[in-house]
């Protein structure tokens, strides 16, 4: 019982850290590729509908995830 609680807490910590990292990496990449039209400011969700902000949040997380996987693969190939 205690081990499952500890595993759950560790899982939540990793999910929060990685989602935060992937989200902001994806937002930065989207901002670069849209030449600043899509800003990283936190108050932009007030301007967008809830569905649109959720879709872009998911896109940002996936772009950030793919970016970091690509970085890991490139470094692995460089140093092996």
C-alpha atoms as a PDB file:
ATOM      1  CA  UNK A   1       0.000   0.000   0.000  1.00  0.00           C
ATOM      2  CA  UNK A   2       2.715   2.465   0.950  1.00  0.00           C
ATOM      3  CA  UNK A   3       4.808   1.621  -2.086  1.00  0.00           C
ATOM      4  CA  UNK A   4       1.896   2.343  -4.416  1.00  0.00           C
ATOM      5  CA  UNK A   5       1.387   5.739  -2.763  1.00  0.00           C
ATOM      6  CA  UNK A   6       5.086   6.550  -3.143  1.00  0.00           C
ATOM      7  CA  UNK A   7       5.013   5.393  -6.774  1.00  0.00           C
ATOM      8  CA  UNK A   8       1.982   7.606  -7.383  1.00  0.00           C
ATOM      9  CA  UNK A   9       3.681  10.643  -5.864  1.00  0.00           C
ATOM     10  CA  UNK A  10       6.849  10.055  -7.917  1.00  0.00           C
ATOM     11  CA  UNK A  11       4.750   9.621 -11.063  1.00  0.00           C
ATOM     12  CA  UNK A  12       2.891  12.873 -10.421  1.00  0.00           C
ATOM     13  CA  UNK A  13       6.170  14.736  -9.879  1.00  0.00           C
ATOM     14  CA  UNK A  14       7.622  13.413 -13.140  1.00  0.00           C
ATOM     15  CA  UNK A  15       4.447  14.177 -15.080  1.00  0.00           C
ATOM     16  CA  UNK A  16       4.377  17.752 -13.779  1.00  0.00           C
ATOM     17  CA  UNK A  17       8.063  18.341 -14.508  1.00  0.00           C
ATOM     18  CA  UNK A  18       8.033  16.791 -17.973  1.00  0.00           C
ATOM     19  CA  UNK A  19       4.724  18.361 -19.016  1.00  0.00           C
ATOM     20  CA  UNK A  20       6.028  21.752 -17.901  1.00  0.00           C
ATOM     21  CA  UNK A  21       9.298  21.228 -19.799  1.00  0.00           C
ATOM     22  CA  UNK A  22       7.622  19.897 -22.946  1.00  0.00           C
ATOM     23  CA  UNK A  23       4.913  22.572 -22.920  1.00  0.00           C
ATOM     24  CA  UNK A  24       7.252  25.558 -22.708  1.00  0.00           C
ATOM     25  CA  UNK A  25       9.702  24.047 -25.197  1.00  0.00           C
ATOM     26  CA  UNK A  26       6.823  23.548 -27.621  1.00  0.00           C
ATOM     27  CA  UNK A  27       5.555  27.084 -27.019  1.00  0.00           C
ATOM     28  CA  UNK A  28       9.000  28.523 -27.742  1.00  0.00           C
ATOM     29  CA  UNK A  29       9.298  26.476 -30.941  1.00  0.00           C
ATOM     30  CA  UNK A  30       5.804  27.521 -32.075  1.00  0.00           C
ATOM     31  CA  UNK A  31       6.654  31.155 -31.360  1.00  0.00           C
ATOM     32  CA  UNK A  32       9.844  30.884 -33.408  1.00  0.00           C
ATOM     33  CA  UNK A  33       8.153  29.200 -36.368  1.00  0.00           C
ATOM     34  CA  UNK A  34       5.256  31.670 -36.400  1.00  0.00           C
ATOM     35  CA  UNK A  35       7.705  34.588 -36.179  1.00  0.00           C
ATOM     36  CA  UNK A  36       6.219  35.753 -32.882  1.00  0.00           C
ATOM     37  CA  UNK A  37       2.587  35.761 -33.941  1.00  0.00           C
ATOM     38  CA  UNK A  38       1.863  33.035 -31.411  1.00  0.00           C
ATOM     39  CA  UNK A  39       3.196  34.523 -28.185  1.00  0.00           C
ATOM     40  CA  UNK A  40       4.346  32.732 -25.074  1.00  0.00           C
ATOM     41  CA  UNK A  41       2.589  35.147 -22.706  1.00  0.00           C
ATOM     42  CA  UNK A  42       0.402  33.540 -20.075  1.00  0.00           C
ATOM     43  CA  UNK A  43      -2.546  35.887 -20.556  1.00  0.00           C
ATOM     44  CA  UNK A  44      -3.194  34.731 -24.128  1.00  0.00           C
ATOM     45  CA  UNK A  45      -5.702  32.168 -22.878  1.00  0.00           C
ATOM     46  CA  UNK A  46      -8.039  35.001 -22.037  1.00  0.00           C
ATOM     47  CA  UNK A  47      -8.064  35.961 -25.715  1.00  0.00           C
ATOM     48  CA  UNK A  48      -8.576  32.413 -27.035  1.00  0.00           C
ATOM     49  CA  UNK A  49     -11.475  30.065 -26.661  1.00  0.00           C
ATOM     50  CA  UNK A  50     -11.063  27.166 -24.276  1.00  0.00           C
ATOM     51  CA  UNK A  51     -11.032  24.573 -27.066  1.00  0.00           C
ATOM     52  CA  UNK A  52      -8.404  26.443 -29.077  1.00  0.00           C
ATOM     53  CA  UNK A  53      -6.123  26.931 -26.077  1.00  0.00           C
ATOM     54  CA  UNK A  54      -6.428  23.231 -25.162  1.00  0.00           C
ATOM     55  CA  UNK A  55      -5.593  22.141 -28.714  1.00  0.00           C
ATOM     56  CA  UNK A  56      -2.538  24.394 -28.838  1.00  0.00           C
ATOM     57  CA  UNK A  57      -1.482  23.198 -25.387  1.00  0.00           C
ATOM     58  CA  UNK A  58      -1.536  19.589 -26.592  1.00  0.00           C
ATOM     59  CA  UNK A  59       0.317  20.538 -29.778  1.00  0.00           C
ATOM     60  CA  UNK A  60       2.943  22.377 -27.735  1.00  0.00           C
ATOM     61  CA  UNK A  61       3.466  19.383 -25.449  1.00  0.00           C
ATOM     62  CA  UNK A  62       3.916  17.018 -28.417  1.00  0.00           C
ATOM     63  CA  UNK A  63       6.264  19.396 -30.221  1.00  0.00           C
ATOM     64  CA  UNK A  64       8.336  19.777 -27.061  1.00  0.00           C
ATOM     65  CA  UNK A  65       8.379  16.006 -26.575  1.00  0.00           C
ATOM     66  CA  UNK A  66       9.512  15.368 -30.143  1.00  0.00           C
ATOM     67  CA  UNK A  67      12.158  18.088 -29.838  1.00  0.00           C
ATOM     68  CA  UNK A  68      13.713  16.552 -26.719  1.00  0.00           C
ATOM     69  CA  UNK A  69      13.581  13.039 -28.167  1.00  0.00           C
ATOM     70  CA  UNK A  70      15.376  14.358 -31.268  1.00  0.00           C
ATOM     71  CA  UNK A  71      18.007  16.057 -29.100  1.00  0.00           C
ATOM     72  CA  UNK A  72      18.608  12.839 -27.169  1.00  0.00           C
ATOM     73  CA  UNK A  73      18.920  10.805 -30.387  1.00  0.00           C
ATOM     74  CA  UNK A  74      21.343  13.321 -31.916  1.00  0.00           C
ATOM     75  CA  UNK A  75      23.536  13.354 -28.797  1.00  0.00           C
ATOM     76  CA  UNK A  76      23.458   9.565 -28.611  1.00  0.00           C
ATOM     77  CA  UNK A  77      24.640   9.282 -32.206  1.00  0.00           C
ATOM     78  CA  UNK A  78      27.345  11.897 -31.695  1.00  0.00           C
ATOM     79  CA  UNK A  79      28.846  10.239 -28.646  1.00  0.00           C
ATOM     80  CA  UNK A  80      28.626   6.584 -29.654  1.00  0.00           C
END
